């Protein structure tokens, strides 16, 4: 009986502590914006919640049979460049 009463009192104390902490965090505010730089409650309130890493699913490559036949086309060669016009050296 004593253990049950102790557990219940401990549970009630934990719930009351959480409610007080949540109430203080919600009603917490500063008169000046620069006060938030040193406030631990504000730091915790603005902290990013860590997210789980993205799961990557690796799939086996599916074999594909492809055969590309050349249709007797000869390579088309074109001149790419600019004509070089010789000129005399400057005087």
C-alpha atoms as a PDB file:
ATOM      1  CA  UNK A   1       0.000   0.000   0.000  1.00  0.00           C
ATOM      2  CA  UNK A   2       2.850   2.369   0.828  1.00  0.00           C
ATOM      3  CA  UNK A   3       4.570   1.718  -2.512  1.00  0.00           C
ATOM      4  CA  UNK A   4       1.371   2.461  -4.432  1.00  0.00           C
ATOM      5  CA  UNK A   5       0.867   5.747  -2.566  1.00  0.00           C
ATOM      6  CA  UNK A   6       4.508   6.717  -3.154  1.00  0.00           C
ATOM      7  CA  UNK A   7       4.254   5.989  -6.889  1.00  0.00           C
ATOM      8  CA  UNK A   8       1.059   8.022  -7.169  1.00  0.00           C
ATOM      9  CA  UNK A   9       2.581  10.986  -5.318  1.00  0.00           C
ATOM     10  CA  UNK A  10       5.660  10.816  -7.541  1.00  0.00           C
ATOM     11  CA  UNK A  11       3.481  10.707 -10.677  1.00  0.00           C
ATOM     12  CA  UNK A  12       1.426  13.686  -9.473  1.00  0.00           C
ATOM     13  CA  UNK A  13       4.601  15.644  -8.697  1.00  0.00           C
ATOM     14  CA  UNK A  14       5.995  14.939 -12.184  1.00  0.00           C
ATOM     15  CA  UNK A  15       2.738  16.009 -13.860  1.00  0.00           C
ATOM     16  CA  UNK A  16       2.604  19.212 -11.807  1.00  0.00           C
ATOM     17  CA  UNK A  17       6.250  19.984 -12.676  1.00  0.00           C
ATOM     18  CA  UNK A  18       5.572  19.482 -16.397  1.00  0.00           C
ATOM     19  CA  UNK A  19       2.489  21.694 -16.278  1.00  0.00           C
ATOM     20  CA  UNK A  20       4.419  24.453 -14.485  1.00  0.00           C
ATOM     21  CA  UNK A  21       7.295  24.216 -16.973  1.00  0.00           C
ATOM     22  CA  UNK A  22       4.923  24.337 -19.946  1.00  0.00           C
ATOM     23  CA  UNK A  23       3.023  27.280 -18.482  1.00  0.00           C
ATOM     24  CA  UNK A  24       6.225  29.199 -17.844  1.00  0.00           C
ATOM     25  CA  UNK A  25       7.554  28.476 -21.345  1.00  0.00           C
ATOM     26  CA  UNK A  26       4.319  29.644 -22.989  1.00  0.00           C
ATOM     27  CA  UNK A  27       3.921  32.785 -20.907  1.00  0.00           C
ATOM     28  CA  UNK A  28       7.609  33.745 -21.142  1.00  0.00           C
ATOM     29  CA  UNK A  29       8.382  37.029 -22.936  1.00  0.00           C
ATOM     30  CA  UNK A  30      10.988  39.802 -22.924  1.00  0.00           C
ATOM     31  CA  UNK A  31      10.555  43.564 -22.900  1.00  0.00           C
ATOM     32  CA  UNK A  32      13.561  43.987 -25.218  1.00  0.00           C
ATOM     33  CA  UNK A  33      14.608  41.796 -28.129  1.00  0.00           C
ATOM     34  CA  UNK A  34      18.269  41.720 -27.072  1.00  0.00           C
ATOM     35  CA  UNK A  35      17.300  39.926 -23.835  1.00  0.00           C
ATOM     36  CA  UNK A  36      16.444  36.829 -25.879  1.00  0.00           C
ATOM     37  CA  UNK A  37      20.115  36.378 -26.836  1.00  0.00           C
ATOM     38  CA  UNK A  38      21.053  35.254 -23.311  1.00  0.00           C
ATOM     39  CA  UNK A  39      17.834  33.550 -22.221  1.00  0.00           C
ATOM     40  CA  UNK A  40      18.095  29.747 -21.944  1.00  0.00           C
ATOM     41  CA  UNK A  41      14.333  29.280 -22.267  1.00  0.00           C
ATOM     42  CA  UNK A  42      14.347  31.177 -25.577  1.00  0.00           C
ATOM     43  CA  UNK A  43      17.314  29.140 -26.828  1.00  0.00           C
ATOM     44  CA  UNK A  44      15.519  25.881 -26.075  1.00  0.00           C
ATOM     45  CA  UNK A  45      12.267  27.191 -27.586  1.00  0.00           C
ATOM     46  CA  UNK A  46      13.956  28.128 -30.866  1.00  0.00           C
ATOM     47  CA  UNK A  47      16.098  25.002 -31.131  1.00  0.00           C
ATOM     48  CA  UNK A  48      15.524  22.841 -34.177  1.00  0.00           C
ATOM     49  CA  UNK A  49      14.100  19.396 -33.558  1.00  0.00           C
ATOM     50  CA  UNK A  50      16.413  16.756 -35.024  1.00  0.00           C
ATOM     51  CA  UNK A  51      14.802  14.865 -37.872  1.00  0.00           C
ATOM     52  CA  UNK A  52      15.457  11.297 -38.884  1.00  0.00           C
ATOM     53  CA  UNK A  53      17.715  10.810 -41.879  1.00  0.00           C
ATOM     54  CA  UNK A  54      16.060  10.034 -45.193  1.00  0.00           C
ATOM     55  CA  UNK A  55      15.880   6.341 -45.930  1.00  0.00           C
ATOM     56  CA  UNK A  56      17.374   5.366 -49.276  1.00  0.00           C
ATOM     57  CA  UNK A  57      15.967   2.306 -50.983  1.00  0.00           C
ATOM     58  CA  UNK A  58      18.435   0.547 -53.253  1.00  0.00           C
ATOM     59  CA  UNK A  59      16.902  -1.351 -56.116  1.00  0.00           C
ATOM     60  CA  UNK A  60      18.650  -3.910 -58.266  1.00  0.00           C
ATOM     61  CA  UNK A  61      19.310  -2.892 -61.847  1.00  0.00           C
ATOM     62  CA  UNK A  62      17.024  -4.567 -64.341  1.00  0.00           C
ATOM     63  CA  UNK A  63      18.880  -5.967 -67.367  1.00  0.00           C
ATOM     64  CA  UNK A  64      17.692  -4.515 -70.668  1.00  0.00           C
ATOM     65  CA  UNK A  65      18.696  -5.960 -74.030  1.00  0.00           C
ATOM     66  CA  UNK A  66      19.262  -3.241 -76.635  1.00  0.00           C
ATOM     67  CA  UNK A  67      21.099  -3.388 -79.898  1.00  0.00           C
ATOM     68  CA  UNK A  68      21.663  -0.213 -81.888  1.00  0.00           C
ATOM     69  CA  UNK A  69      22.449  -0.927 -85.491  1.00  0.00           C
ATOM     70  CA  UNK A  70      24.290   1.614 -87.600  1.00  0.00           C
ATOM     71  CA  UNK A  71      22.391   2.265 -90.828  1.00  0.00           C
ATOM     72  CA  UNK A  72      25.316   2.725 -93.119  1.00  0.00           C
ATOM     73  CA  UNK A  73      25.677   6.404 -92.438  1.00  0.00           C
ATOM     74  CA  UNK A  74      29.101   7.851 -92.886  1.00  0.00           C
ATOM     75  CA  UNK A  75      30.331  10.404 -90.391  1.00  0.00           C
ATOM     76  CA  UNK A  76      29.624  13.949 -91.514  1.00  0.00           C
ATOM     77  CA  UNK A  77      32.732  16.086 -91.181  1.00  0.00           C
ATOM     78  CA  UNK A  78      32.405  19.829 -91.042  1.00  0.00           C
ATOM     79  CA  UNK A  79      35.018  22.532 -90.626  1.00  0.00           C
ATOM     80  CA  UNK A  80      34.648  24.208 -87.277  1.00  0.00           C
ATOM     81  CA  UNK A  81      36.832  27.229 -86.843  1.00  0.00           C
ATOM     82  CA  UNK A  82      37.573  30.637 -88.250  1.00  0.00           C
ATOM     83  CA  UNK A  83      39.770  31.393 -91.236  1.00  0.00           C
ATOM     84  CA  UNK A  84      43.178  32.745 -90.289  1.00  0.00           C
ATOM     85  CA  UNK A  85      43.908  35.914 -92.272  1.00  0.00           C
ATOM     86  CA  UNK A  86      47.599  36.830 -92.210  1.00  0.00           C
ATOM     87  CA  UNK A  87      48.448  40.470 -91.736  1.00  0.00           C
ATOM     88  CA  UNK A  88      51.589  42.450 -91.546  1.00  0.00           C
ATOM     89  CA  UNK A  89      53.135  43.216 -88.176  1.00  0.00           C
ATOM     90  CA  UNK A  90      52.429  46.659 -86.799  1.00  0.00           C
ATOM     91  CA  UNK A  91      54.971  49.306 -87.750  1.00  0.00           C
END
